[in-house]
Amino acid sequence: MRCTLALDHARALRQFWLWYSRMPHFELIDVAIDHFGRKGFQGTSTRDIAIDANTVMSSITYHYGSKRGLYLACADRVVEE
């Protein structure tokens, strides 16, 4: 019984984390464009972006790999518009 409950709990946590990490994906780009535009690459921190996007810093790493990856994704978005 305990093993089943532990597995169910682990699955629920994993599903929640996957949902939570995907939610701010598009908002991260919008917030990051604003930050990079105002402060430049060096003046922008991923912590500030994560706070303003209402997400955790690890979602930046999950989606973009690094601050540089996020910056390049922002550049792609700006070029597309």
PDB file of N, CA and C in Angstrom:
ATOM      1  N   MET A   1       0.811  -1.194   0.000  1.00  0.00           N
ATOM      2  CA  MET A   1       0.000   0.000   0.000  1.00  0.00           C
ATOM      3  C   MET A   1       0.856   1.261   0.000  1.00  0.00           C
ATOM      4  N   ARG A   2       1.886   1.300   0.864  1.00  0.00           N
ATOM      5  CA  ARG A   2       2.749   2.482   0.927  1.00  0.00           C
ATOM      6  C   ARG A   2       3.490   2.711  -0.381  1.00  0.00           C
ATOM      7  N   CYS A   3       3.938   1.634  -0.977  1.00  0.00           N
ATOM      8  CA  CYS A   3       4.677   1.740  -2.237  1.00  0.00           C
ATOM      9  C   CYS A   3       3.797   2.346  -3.329  1.00  0.00           C
ATOM     10  N   THR A   4       2.559   1.913  -3.397  1.00  0.00           N
ATOM     11  CA  THR A   4       1.619   2.430  -4.390  1.00  0.00           C
ATOM     12  C   THR A   4       1.361   3.910  -4.164  1.00  0.00           C
ATOM     13  N   LEU A   5       1.181   4.312  -2.919  1.00  0.00           N
ATOM     14  CA  LEU A   5       0.952   5.723  -2.617  1.00  0.00           C
ATOM     15  C   LEU A   5       2.173   6.565  -2.956  1.00  0.00           C
ATOM     16  N   ALA A   6       3.349   6.043  -2.677  1.00  0.00           N
ATOM     17  CA  ALA A   6       4.575   6.776  -2.985  1.00  0.00           C
ATOM     18  C   ALA A   6       4.733   6.952  -4.493  1.00  0.00           C
ATOM     19  N   LEU A   7       4.422   5.914  -5.252  1.00  0.00           N
ATOM     20  CA  LEU A   7       4.506   6.012  -6.708  1.00  0.00           C
ATOM     21  C   LEU A   7       3.482   6.992  -7.261  1.00  0.00           C
ATOM     22  N   ASP A   8       2.259   6.944  -6.724  1.00  0.00           N
ATOM     23  CA  ASP A   8       1.224   7.885  -7.153  1.00  0.00           C
ATOM     24  C   ASP A   8       1.636   9.319  -6.845  1.00  0.00           C
ATOM     25  N   HIS A   9       2.213   9.518  -5.678  1.00  0.00           N
ATOM     26  CA  HIS A   9       2.662  10.847  -5.284  1.00  0.00           C
ATOM     27  C   HIS A   9       3.799  11.316  -6.195  1.00  0.00           C
ATOM     28  N   ALA A  10       4.731  10.447  -6.500  1.00  0.00           N
ATOM     29  CA  ALA A  10       5.845  10.795  -7.377  1.00  0.00           C
ATOM     30  C   ALA A  10       5.343  11.136  -8.776  1.00  0.00           C
ATOM     31  N   ARG A  11       4.388  10.388  -9.276  1.00  0.00           N
ATOM     32  CA  ARG A  11       3.809  10.678 -10.596  1.00  0.00           C
ATOM     33  C   ARG A  11       3.101  12.026 -10.593  1.00  0.00           C
ATOM     34  N   ALA A  12       2.349  12.284  -9.545  1.00  0.00           N
ATOM     35  CA  ALA A  12       1.628  13.553  -9.451  1.00  0.00           C
ATOM     36  C   ALA A  12       2.608  14.729  -9.400  1.00  0.00           C
ATOM     37  N   LEU A  13       3.675  14.584  -8.637  1.00  0.00           N
ATOM     38  CA  LEU A  13       4.676  15.649  -8.574  1.00  0.00           C
ATOM     39  C   LEU A  13       5.347  15.862  -9.918  1.00  0.00           C
ATOM     40  N   ARG A  14       5.641  14.778 -10.615  1.00  0.00           N
ATOM     41  CA  ARG A  14       6.275  14.893 -11.931  1.00  0.00           C
ATOM     42  C   ARG A  14       5.339  15.571 -12.925  1.00  0.00           C
ATOM     43  N   GLN A  15       4.075  15.197 -12.924  1.00  0.00           N
ATOM     44  CA  GLN A  15       3.110  15.824 -13.824  1.00  0.00           C
ATOM     45  C   GLN A  15       2.960  17.306 -13.507  1.00  0.00           C
ATOM     46  N   PHE A  16       2.917  17.629 -12.214  1.00  0.00           N
ATOM     47  CA  PHE A  16       2.810  19.032 -11.827  1.00  0.00           C
ATOM     48  C   PHE A  16       4.025  19.798 -12.306  1.00  0.00           C
ATOM     49  N   TRP A  17       5.233  19.239 -12.108  1.00  0.00           N
ATOM     50  CA  TRP A  17       6.444  19.938 -12.519  1.00  0.00           C
ATOM     51  C   TRP A  17       6.481  20.143 -14.031  1.00  0.00           C
ATOM     52  N   LEU A  18       6.079  19.146 -14.788  1.00  0.00           N
ATOM     53  CA  LEU A  18       6.052  19.300 -16.239  1.00  0.00           C
ATOM     54  C   LEU A  18       5.070  20.386 -16.657  1.00  0.00           C
ATOM     55  N   TRP A  19       3.909  20.418 -16.035  1.00  0.00           N
ATOM     56  CA  TRP A  19       2.924  21.457 -16.319  1.00  0.00           C
ATOM     57  C   TRP A  19       3.470  22.824 -15.924  1.00  0.00           C
ATOM     58  N   TYR A  20       4.040  22.907 -14.742  1.00  0.00           N
ATOM     59  CA  TYR A  20       4.526  24.181 -14.217  1.00  0.00           C
ATOM     60  C   TYR A  20       5.685  24.722 -15.043  1.00  0.00           C
ATOM     61  N   SER A  21       6.567  23.869 -15.489  1.00  0.00           N
ATOM     62  CA  SER A  21       7.725  24.329 -16.243  1.00  0.00           C
ATOM     63  C   SER A  21       7.357  24.763 -17.659  1.00  0.00           C
ATOM     64  N   ARG A  22       6.247  24.275 -18.183  1.00  0.00           N
ATOM     65  CA  ARG A  22       5.832  24.646 -19.541  1.00  0.00           C
ATOM     66  C   ARG A  22       4.971  25.909 -19.575  1.00  0.00           C
ATOM     67  N   MET A  23       4.313  26.224 -18.511  1.00  0.00           N
ATOM     68  CA  MET A  23       3.386  27.345 -18.501  1.00  0.00           C
ATOM     69  C   MET A  23       4.018  28.678 -18.913  1.00  0.00           C
ATOM     70  N   PRO A  24       5.150  29.048 -18.344  1.00  0.00           N
ATOM     71  CA  PRO A  24       5.657  30.390 -18.625  1.00  0.00           C
ATOM     72  C   PRO A  24       6.514  30.487 -19.880  1.00  0.00           C
ATOM     73  N   HIS A  25       6.519  29.443 -20.684  1.00  0.00           N
ATOM     74  CA  HIS A  25       7.420  29.386 -21.831  1.00  0.00           C
ATOM     75  C   HIS A  25       7.324  30.636 -22.708  1.00  0.00           C
ATOM     76  N   PHE A  26       6.140  31.041 -23.067  1.00  0.00           N
ATOM     77  CA  PHE A  26       5.984  32.201 -23.942  1.00  0.00           C
ATOM     78  C   PHE A  26       6.135  33.505 -23.175  1.00  0.00           C
ATOM     79  N   GLU A  27       5.693  33.529 -21.940  1.00  0.00           N
ATOM     80  CA  GLU A  27       5.839  34.738 -21.135  1.00  0.00           C
ATOM     81  C   GLU A  27       7.306  35.033 -20.844  1.00  0.00           C
ATOM     82  N   LEU A  28       8.114  33.995 -20.708  1.00  0.00           N
ATOM     83  CA  LEU A  28       9.547  34.190 -20.478  1.00  0.00           C
ATOM     84  C   LEU A  28      10.173  35.012 -21.599  1.00  0.00           C
ATOM     85  N   ILE A  29       9.838  34.715 -22.816  1.00  0.00           N
ATOM     86  CA  ILE A  29      10.386  35.451 -23.955  1.00  0.00           C
ATOM     87  C   ILE A  29       9.979  36.916 -23.882  1.00  0.00           C
ATOM     88  N   ASP A  30       8.698  37.177 -23.624  1.00  0.00           N
ATOM     89  CA  ASP A  30       8.220  38.558 -23.557  1.00  0.00           C
ATOM     90  C   ASP A  30       8.929  39.343 -22.453  1.00  0.00           C
ATOM     91  N   VAL A  31       9.036  38.740 -21.285  1.00  0.00           N
ATOM     92  CA  VAL A  31       9.697  39.406 -20.158  1.00  0.00           C
ATOM     93  C   VAL A  31      11.178  39.590 -20.460  1.00  0.00           C
ATOM     94  N   ALA A  32      11.806  38.578 -21.032  1.00  0.00           N
ATOM     95  CA  ALA A  32      13.238  38.662 -21.334  1.00  0.00           C
ATOM     96  C   ALA A  32      13.527  39.742 -22.378  1.00  0.00           C
ATOM     97  N   ILE A  33      12.686  39.859 -23.383  1.00  0.00           N
ATOM     98  CA  ILE A  33      12.873  40.911 -24.390  1.00  0.00           C
ATOM     99  C   ILE A  33      12.837  42.275 -23.724  1.00  0.00           C
ATOM    100  N   ASP A  34      11.911  42.450 -22.809  1.00  0.00           N
ATOM    101  CA  ASP A  34      11.815  43.716 -22.081  1.00  0.00           C
ATOM    102  C   ASP A  34      13.094  43.978 -21.275  1.00  0.00           C
ATOM    103  N   HIS A  35      13.559  42.975 -20.535  1.00  0.00           N
ATOM    104  CA  HIS A  35      14.759  43.140 -19.713  1.00  0.00           C
ATOM    105  C   HIS A  35      16.012  43.376 -20.567  1.00  0.00           C
ATOM    106  N   PHE A  36      16.197  42.561 -21.589  1.00  0.00           N
ATOM    107  CA  PHE A  36      17.369  42.728 -22.440  1.00  0.00           C
ATOM    108  C   PHE A  36      17.338  44.081 -23.161  1.00  0.00           C
ATOM    109  N   GLY A  37      16.145  44.526 -23.536  1.00  0.00           N
ATOM    110  CA  GLY A  37      16.013  45.814 -24.209  1.00  0.00           C
ATOM    111  C   GLY A  37      16.354  46.986 -23.300  1.00  0.00           C
ATOM    112  N   ARG A  38      15.977  46.880 -22.035  1.00  0.00           N
ATOM    113  CA  ARG A  38      16.231  47.980 -21.098  1.00  0.00           C
ATOM    114  C   ARG A  38      17.631  47.942 -20.501  1.00  0.00           C
ATOM    115  N   LYS A  39      18.151  46.741 -20.199  1.00  0.00           N
ATOM    116  CA  LYS A  39      19.395  46.627 -19.450  1.00  0.00           C
ATOM    117  C   LYS A  39      20.558  46.030 -20.235  1.00  0.00           C
ATOM    118  N   GLY A  40      20.284  45.482 -21.417  1.00  0.00           N
ATOM    119  CA  GLY A  40      21.332  44.815 -22.174  1.00  0.00           C
ATOM    120  C   GLY A  40      21.598  43.417 -21.628  1.00  0.00           C
ATOM    121  N   PHE A  41      22.448  42.673 -22.322  1.00  0.00           N
ATOM    122  CA  PHE A  41      22.733  41.294 -21.921  1.00  0.00           C
ATOM    123  C   PHE A  41      23.432  41.236 -20.571  1.00  0.00           C
ATOM    124  N   GLN A  42      24.484  42.027 -20.398  1.00  0.00           N
ATOM    125  CA  GLN A  42      25.260  41.986 -19.162  1.00  0.00           C
ATOM    126  C   GLN A  42      24.470  42.493 -17.954  1.00  0.00           C
ATOM    127  N   GLY A  43      23.606  43.459 -18.153  1.00  0.00           N
ATOM    128  CA  GLY A  43      22.857  44.043 -17.039  1.00  0.00           C
ATOM    129  C   GLY A  43      21.626  43.266 -16.626  1.00  0.00           C
ATOM    130  N   THR A  44      21.270  42.258 -17.391  1.00  0.00           N
ATOM    131  CA  THR A  44      20.075  41.466 -17.115  1.00  0.00           C
ATOM    132  C   THR A  44      20.449  40.202 -16.362  1.00  0.00           C
ATOM    133  N   SER A  45      19.670  39.879 -15.333  1.00  0.00           N
ATOM    134  CA  SER A  45      19.893  38.617 -14.610  1.00  0.00           C
ATOM    135  C   SER A  45      18.724  37.675 -14.870  1.00  0.00           C
ATOM    136  N   THR A  46      19.041  36.405 -14.941  1.00  0.00           N
ATOM    137  CA  THR A  46      17.977  35.420 -15.146  1.00  0.00           C
ATOM    138  C   THR A  46      17.049  35.382 -13.936  1.00  0.00           C
ATOM    139  N   ARG A  47      17.558  35.700 -12.779  1.00  0.00           N
ATOM    140  CA  ARG A  47      16.725  35.749 -11.571  1.00  0.00           C
ATOM    141  C   ARG A  47      15.632  36.805 -11.722  1.00  0.00           C
ATOM    142  N   ASP A  48      16.000  37.992 -12.219  1.00  0.00           N
ATOM    143  CA  ASP A  48      15.010  39.050 -12.420  1.00  0.00           C
ATOM    144  C   ASP A  48      13.969  38.655 -13.464  1.00  0.00           C
ATOM    145  N   ILE A  49      14.421  38.013 -14.523  1.00  0.00           N
ATOM    146  CA  ILE A  49      13.490  37.559 -15.563  1.00  0.00           C
ATOM    147  C   ILE A  49      12.513  36.542 -14.977  1.00  0.00           C
ATOM    148  N   ALA A  50      13.035  35.574 -14.232  1.00  0.00           N
ATOM    149  CA  ALA A  50      12.182  34.532 -13.645  1.00  0.00           C
ATOM    150  C   ALA A  50      11.166  35.137 -12.686  1.00  0.00           C
ATOM    151  N   ILE A  51      11.588  36.086 -11.864  1.00  0.00           N
ATOM    152  CA  ILE A  51      10.666  36.719 -10.914  1.00  0.00           C
ATOM    153  C   ILE A  51       9.562  37.455 -11.659  1.00  0.00           C
ATOM    154  N   ASP A  52       9.927  38.249 -12.659  1.00  0.00           N
ATOM    155  CA  ASP A  52       8.921  39.011 -13.405  1.00  0.00           C
ATOM    156  C   ASP A  52       8.007  38.125 -14.244  1.00  0.00           C
ATOM    157  N   ALA A  53       8.488  36.949 -14.640  1.00  0.00           N
ATOM    158  CA  ALA A  53       7.666  36.015 -15.421  1.00  0.00           C
ATOM    159  C   ALA A  53       6.887  35.061 -14.519  1.00  0.00           C
ATOM    160  N   ASN A  54       7.003  35.234 -13.204  1.00  0.00           N
ATOM    161  CA  ASN A  54       6.307  34.380 -12.232  1.00  0.00           C
ATOM    162  C   ASN A  54       6.632  32.909 -12.419  1.00  0.00           C
ATOM    163  N   THR A  55       7.918  32.611 -12.528  1.00  0.00           N
ATOM    164  CA  THR A  55       8.350  31.232 -12.694  1.00  0.00           C
ATOM    165  C   THR A  55       9.627  30.998 -11.896  1.00  0.00           C
ATOM    166  N   VAL A  56      10.163  29.808 -12.009  1.00  0.00           N
ATOM    167  CA  VAL A  56      11.405  29.464 -11.324  1.00  0.00           C
ATOM    168  C   VAL A  56      12.565  29.566 -12.315  1.00  0.00           C
ATOM    169  N   MET A  57      13.760  29.827 -11.798  1.00  0.00           N
ATOM    170  CA  MET A  57      14.923  29.993 -12.665  1.00  0.00           C
ATOM    171  C   MET A  57      15.232  28.744 -13.485  1.00  0.00           C
ATOM    172  N   SER A  58      14.927  27.593 -12.919  1.00  0.00           N
ATOM    173  CA  SER A  58      15.236  26.359 -13.643  1.00  0.00           C
ATOM    174  C   SER A  58      14.417  26.206 -14.924  1.00  0.00           C
ATOM    175  N   SER A  59      13.300  26.905 -15.036  1.00  0.00           N
ATOM    176  CA  SER A  59      12.533  26.813 -16.280  1.00  0.00           C
ATOM    177  C   SER A  59      13.276  27.496 -17.433  1.00  0.00           C
ATOM    178  N   ILE A  60      14.121  28.486 -17.127  1.00  0.00           N
ATOM    179  CA  ILE A  60      14.944  29.110 -18.162  1.00  0.00           C
ATOM    180  C   ILE A  60      15.947  28.093 -18.690  1.00  0.00           C
ATOM    181  N   THR A  61      16.580  27.386 -17.771  1.00  0.00           N
ATOM    182  CA  THR A  61      17.533  26.345 -18.166  1.00  0.00           C
ATOM    183  C   THR A  61      16.829  25.224 -18.913  1.00  0.00           C
ATOM    184  N   TYR A  62      15.649  24.848 -18.448  1.00  0.00           N
ATOM    185  CA  TYR A  62      14.892  23.757 -19.071  1.00  0.00           C
ATOM    186  C   TYR A  62      14.552  24.084 -20.529  1.00  0.00           C
ATOM    187  N   HIS A  63      14.067  25.294 -20.767  1.00  0.00           N
ATOM    188  CA  HIS A  63      13.612  25.659 -22.105  1.00  0.00           C
ATOM    189  C   HIS A  63      14.725  26.163 -23.018  1.00  0.00           C
ATOM    190  N   TYR A  64      15.704  26.865 -22.452  1.00  0.00           N
ATOM    191  CA  TYR A  64      16.686  27.554 -23.293  1.00  0.00           C
ATOM    192  C   TYR A  64      18.138  27.165 -23.028  1.00  0.00           C
ATOM    193  N   GLY A  65      18.397  26.428 -21.978  1.00  0.00           N
ATOM    194  CA  GLY A  65      19.748  25.965 -21.691  1.00  0.00           C
ATOM    195  C   GLY A  65      20.600  26.933 -20.890  1.00  0.00           C
ATOM    196  N   SER A  66      20.460  28.220 -21.160  1.00  0.00           N
ATOM    197  CA  SER A  66      21.282  29.222 -20.482  1.00  0.00           C
ATOM    198  C   SER A  66      20.714  30.614 -20.758  1.00  0.00           C
ATOM    199  N   LYS A  67      21.334  31.592 -20.151  1.00  0.00           N
ATOM    200  CA  LYS A  67      20.961  32.985 -20.411  1.00  0.00           C
ATOM    201  C   LYS A  67      21.212  33.319 -21.884  1.00  0.00           C
ATOM    202  N   ARG A  68      22.326  32.828 -22.410  1.00  0.00           N
ATOM    203  CA  ARG A  68      22.635  33.065 -23.820  1.00  0.00           C
ATOM    204  C   ARG A  68      21.585  32.433 -24.736  1.00  0.00           C
ATOM    205  N   GLY A  69      21.143  31.220 -24.400  1.00  0.00           N
ATOM    206  CA  GLY A  69      20.108  30.568 -25.185  1.00  0.00           C
ATOM    207  C   GLY A  69      18.801  31.351 -25.163  1.00  0.00           C
ATOM    208  N   LEU A  70      18.460  31.901 -24.011  1.00  0.00           N
ATOM    209  CA  LEU A  70      17.263  32.738 -23.890  1.00  0.00           C
ATOM    210  C   LEU A  70      17.429  33.998 -24.734  1.00  0.00           C
ATOM    211  N   TYR A  71      18.602  34.597 -24.679  1.00  0.00           N
ATOM    212  CA  TYR A  71      18.888  35.792 -25.461  1.00  0.00           C
ATOM    213  C   TYR A  71      18.729  35.517 -26.960  1.00  0.00           C
ATOM    214  N   LEU A  72      19.252  34.382 -27.408  1.00  0.00           N
ATOM    215  CA  LEU A  72      19.130  34.022 -28.827  1.00  0.00           C
ATOM    216  C   LEU A  72      17.670  33.765 -29.212  1.00  0.00           C
ATOM    217  N   ALA A  73      16.905  33.157 -28.305  1.00  0.00           N
ATOM    218  CA  ALA A  73      15.477  32.939 -28.569  1.00  0.00           C
ATOM    219  C   ALA A  73      14.746  34.278 -28.672  1.00  0.00           C
ATOM    220  N   CYS A  74      15.144  35.238 -27.843  1.00  0.00           N
ATOM    221  CA  CYS A  74      14.555  36.577 -27.917  1.00  0.00           C
ATOM    222  C   CYS A  74      14.904  37.242 -29.252  1.00  0.00           C
ATOM    223  N   ALA A  75      16.152  37.080 -29.676  1.00  0.00           N
ATOM    224  CA  ALA A  75      16.574  37.648 -30.960  1.00  0.00           C
ATOM    225  C   ALA A  75      15.772  37.033 -32.103  1.00  0.00           C
ATOM    226  N   ASP A  76      15.553  35.730 -32.059  1.00  0.00           N
ATOM    227  CA  ASP A  76      14.738  35.062 -33.070  1.00  0.00           C
ATOM    228  C   ASP A  76      13.328  35.630 -33.096  1.00  0.00           C
ATOM    229  N   ARG A  77      12.739  35.845 -31.922  1.00  0.00           N
ATOM    230  CA  ARG A  77      11.374  36.385 -31.834  1.00  0.00           C
ATOM    231  C   ARG A  77      11.327  37.788 -32.420  1.00  0.00           C
ATOM    232  N   VAL A  78      12.316  38.612 -32.102  1.00  0.00           N
ATOM    233  CA  VAL A  78      12.336  39.984 -32.609  1.00  0.00           C
ATOM    234  C   VAL A  78      12.483  40.001 -34.127  1.00  0.00           C
ATOM    235  N   VAL A  79      13.325  39.117 -34.661  1.00  0.00           N
ATOM    236  CA  VAL A  79      13.526  39.046 -36.104  1.00  0.00           C
ATOM    237  C   VAL A  79      12.251  38.589 -36.802  1.00  0.00           C
ATOM    238  N   GLU A  80      11.517  37.647 -36.181  1.00  0.00           N
ATOM    239  CA  GLU A  80      10.270  37.139 -36.773  1.00  0.00           C
ATOM    240  C   GLU A  80       9.194  38.211 -36.837  1.00  0.00           C
ATOM    241  N   GLU A  81       9.198  39.124 -35.891  1.00  0.00           N
ATOM    242  CA  GLU A  81       8.152  40.165 -35.840  1.00  0.00           C
ATOM    243  C   GLU A  81       8.475  41.245 -36.774  1.00  0.00           C
TER     244      GLU A  81
END
